[in-house]
Every structure is written in structure tokens, then in C-alpha cells.
Amino acid sequence: MRHVRDVIRMKAAGMPSREIARRVGAAPSTVRLTFAGHVTSTSRYLPAVLKSYAAVETEGHARELEAYFKSGSGKAVALKRLIRKQLVALPPTAAS
């Protein structure tokens, strides 16, 4: 499936699998099997959840930003600024 980001975004928005398949040009069964965990290459990443996103104006800028987030420093920035800020602080456990 070539449009993984789009598929995850559409699924997170609650779009039916048939509509997702029509939009990305895949068979409906492929989309259903992917989210059911029957596709070996993607099953370990399920459930796929969109935690944060960044809107950019051009595809070129999006590719540069994606390459940055795949680097070591980009991963650290993404975790610290984009993902962890959205997590709810858990109360300390009795053991700690």
C-alpha cells in the first residue's frame, strides 16, 4: 500500500474501509486485512494511531520535515515537543 499516511489519517477520522480503498486505489479487502492485523509487515505496528501532525504548504517541505524527524535529533524533538506534550501525566505509583 503506497499511501500509508493517508490511510492511517482517514481511518483515524472514522472513514469506512471501502471509502479508504476507493480513494487510494486499493482493494477493500486489503485495507480491512491491514487493520485487522493479517498483513505481516504492518501487524506489529497496530493499532496505528495518529498522535500529532504538522501542516506544511508544499510536498517538498513535507519531505524535508519527514527526513528531519527520521534523524536522531528530529526524533528527540518530535517526542519532546509533539508527542509527549499531549500525554496525560500519570500519578506516581505506590512503589515509586
Protein backbone atom coordinates (compact mmCIF):
# COMPACT_ATOMS: atom_id res chain seq x y z
CA MET A 1 0.00 0.00 0.00
CA ARG A 2 1.65 3.21 -1.16
CA HIS A 3 -0.37 5.76 0.76
CA VAL A 4 0.08 4.54 4.32
CA ARG A 5 -0.06 8.01 5.89
CA ASP A 6 -3.27 8.83 4.08
CA VAL A 7 -4.83 5.51 5.05
CA ILE A 8 -3.99 5.99 8.74
CA ARG A 9 -5.28 9.57 8.68
CA MET A 10 -8.55 8.54 7.02
CA LYS A 11 -9.03 5.59 9.39
CA ALA A 12 -8.40 7.88 12.39
CA ALA A 13 -11.10 10.20 11.04
CA GLY A 14 -13.56 7.29 11.09
CA MET A 15 -13.83 6.77 7.34
CA PRO A 16 -15.11 3.32 6.26
CA SER A 17 -12.60 0.87 4.77
CA ARG A 18 -14.43 0.79 1.40
CA GLU A 19 -14.10 4.56 1.01
CA ILE A 20 -10.42 4.46 2.03
CA ALA A 21 -9.78 1.71 -0.53
CA ARG A 22 -11.54 3.69 -3.27
CA ARG A 23 -9.53 6.82 -2.54
CA VAL A 24 -6.11 5.16 -2.50
CA GLY A 25 -6.82 2.70 -5.31
CA ALA A 26 -6.52 -0.49 -3.26
CA ALA A 27 -8.85 -3.42 -2.85
CA PRO A 28 -11.25 -3.05 0.09
CA SER A 29 -10.09 -6.42 1.42
CA THR A 30 -6.50 -5.14 1.53
CA VAL A 31 -7.49 -2.24 3.76
CA ARG A 32 -9.61 -4.46 6.02
CA LEU A 33 -6.90 -7.11 6.36
CA THR A 34 -4.27 -4.46 7.09
CA PHE A 35 -6.22 -3.01 10.01
CA ALA A 36 -7.26 -6.47 11.23
CA GLY A 37 -3.58 -7.38 11.72
CA HIS A 38 -3.37 -10.02 8.98
CA VAL A 39 -0.63 -8.25 6.99
CA THR A 40 2.73 -9.41 8.35
CA SER A 41 4.66 -6.24 7.58
CA THR A 42 2.24 -3.92 9.41
CA SER A 43 0.70 -6.11 12.14
CA ARG A 44 3.34 -5.27 14.75
CA TYR A 45 2.51 -1.54 14.41
CA LEU A 46 -1.19 -1.90 15.11
CA PRO A 47 -3.20 -0.18 16.32
CA ALA A 48 -1.90 2.70 14.22
CA VAL A 49 -2.88 5.94 15.88
CA LEU A 50 -2.25 9.46 14.67
CA LYS A 51 -0.84 11.27 17.71
CA SER A 52 0.24 14.52 16.11
CA TYR A 53 0.63 16.14 12.72
CA ALA A 54 2.34 19.11 11.15
CA ALA A 55 0.77 21.00 8.27
CA VAL A 56 3.13 22.33 5.58
CA GLU A 57 2.47 24.15 2.31
CA THR A 58 4.47 22.11 -0.20
CA GLU A 59 5.29 18.45 -0.72
CA GLY A 60 9.00 19.32 -0.85
CA HIS A 61 8.86 20.90 2.58
CA ALA A 62 6.91 17.90 3.87
CA ARG A 63 9.64 15.55 2.60
CA GLU A 64 12.37 17.65 4.24
CA LEU A 65 10.46 17.67 7.52
CA GLU A 66 9.92 13.93 7.33
CA ALA A 67 13.64 13.34 6.74
CA TYR A 68 14.43 15.55 9.74
CA PHE A 69 12.02 13.67 12.01
CA LYS A 70 13.68 10.41 10.97
CA SER A 71 17.09 11.68 12.15
CA GLY A 72 18.23 11.29 15.76
CA SER A 73 17.72 14.91 16.73
CA GLY A 74 14.42 15.06 14.85
CA LYS A 75 13.11 12.05 16.78
CA ALA A 76 14.07 13.70 20.06
CA VAL A 77 12.30 16.93 19.10
CA ALA A 78 9.20 15.07 17.91
CA LEU A 79 8.97 13.06 21.13
CA LYS A 80 9.61 16.02 23.40
CA ARG A 81 7.59 18.72 21.64
CA LEU A 82 4.89 16.94 19.62
CA ILE A 83 4.04 13.66 21.27
CA ARG A 84 4.83 13.81 24.98
CA LYS A 85 3.14 17.20 25.45
CA GLN A 86 -0.13 15.54 24.54
CA LEU A 87 0.22 12.72 27.09
CA VAL A 88 -1.59 12.97 30.38
CA ALA A 89 0.66 12.92 33.43
CA LEU A 90 0.04 9.76 35.42
CA PRO A 91 0.02 9.86 39.23
CA PRO A 92 3.03 8.22 40.90
CA THR A 93 2.60 4.59 41.86
CA ALA A 94 2.98 3.28 45.40
CA ALA A 95 6.27 1.58 44.50
CA SER A 96 7.99 4.80 43.37
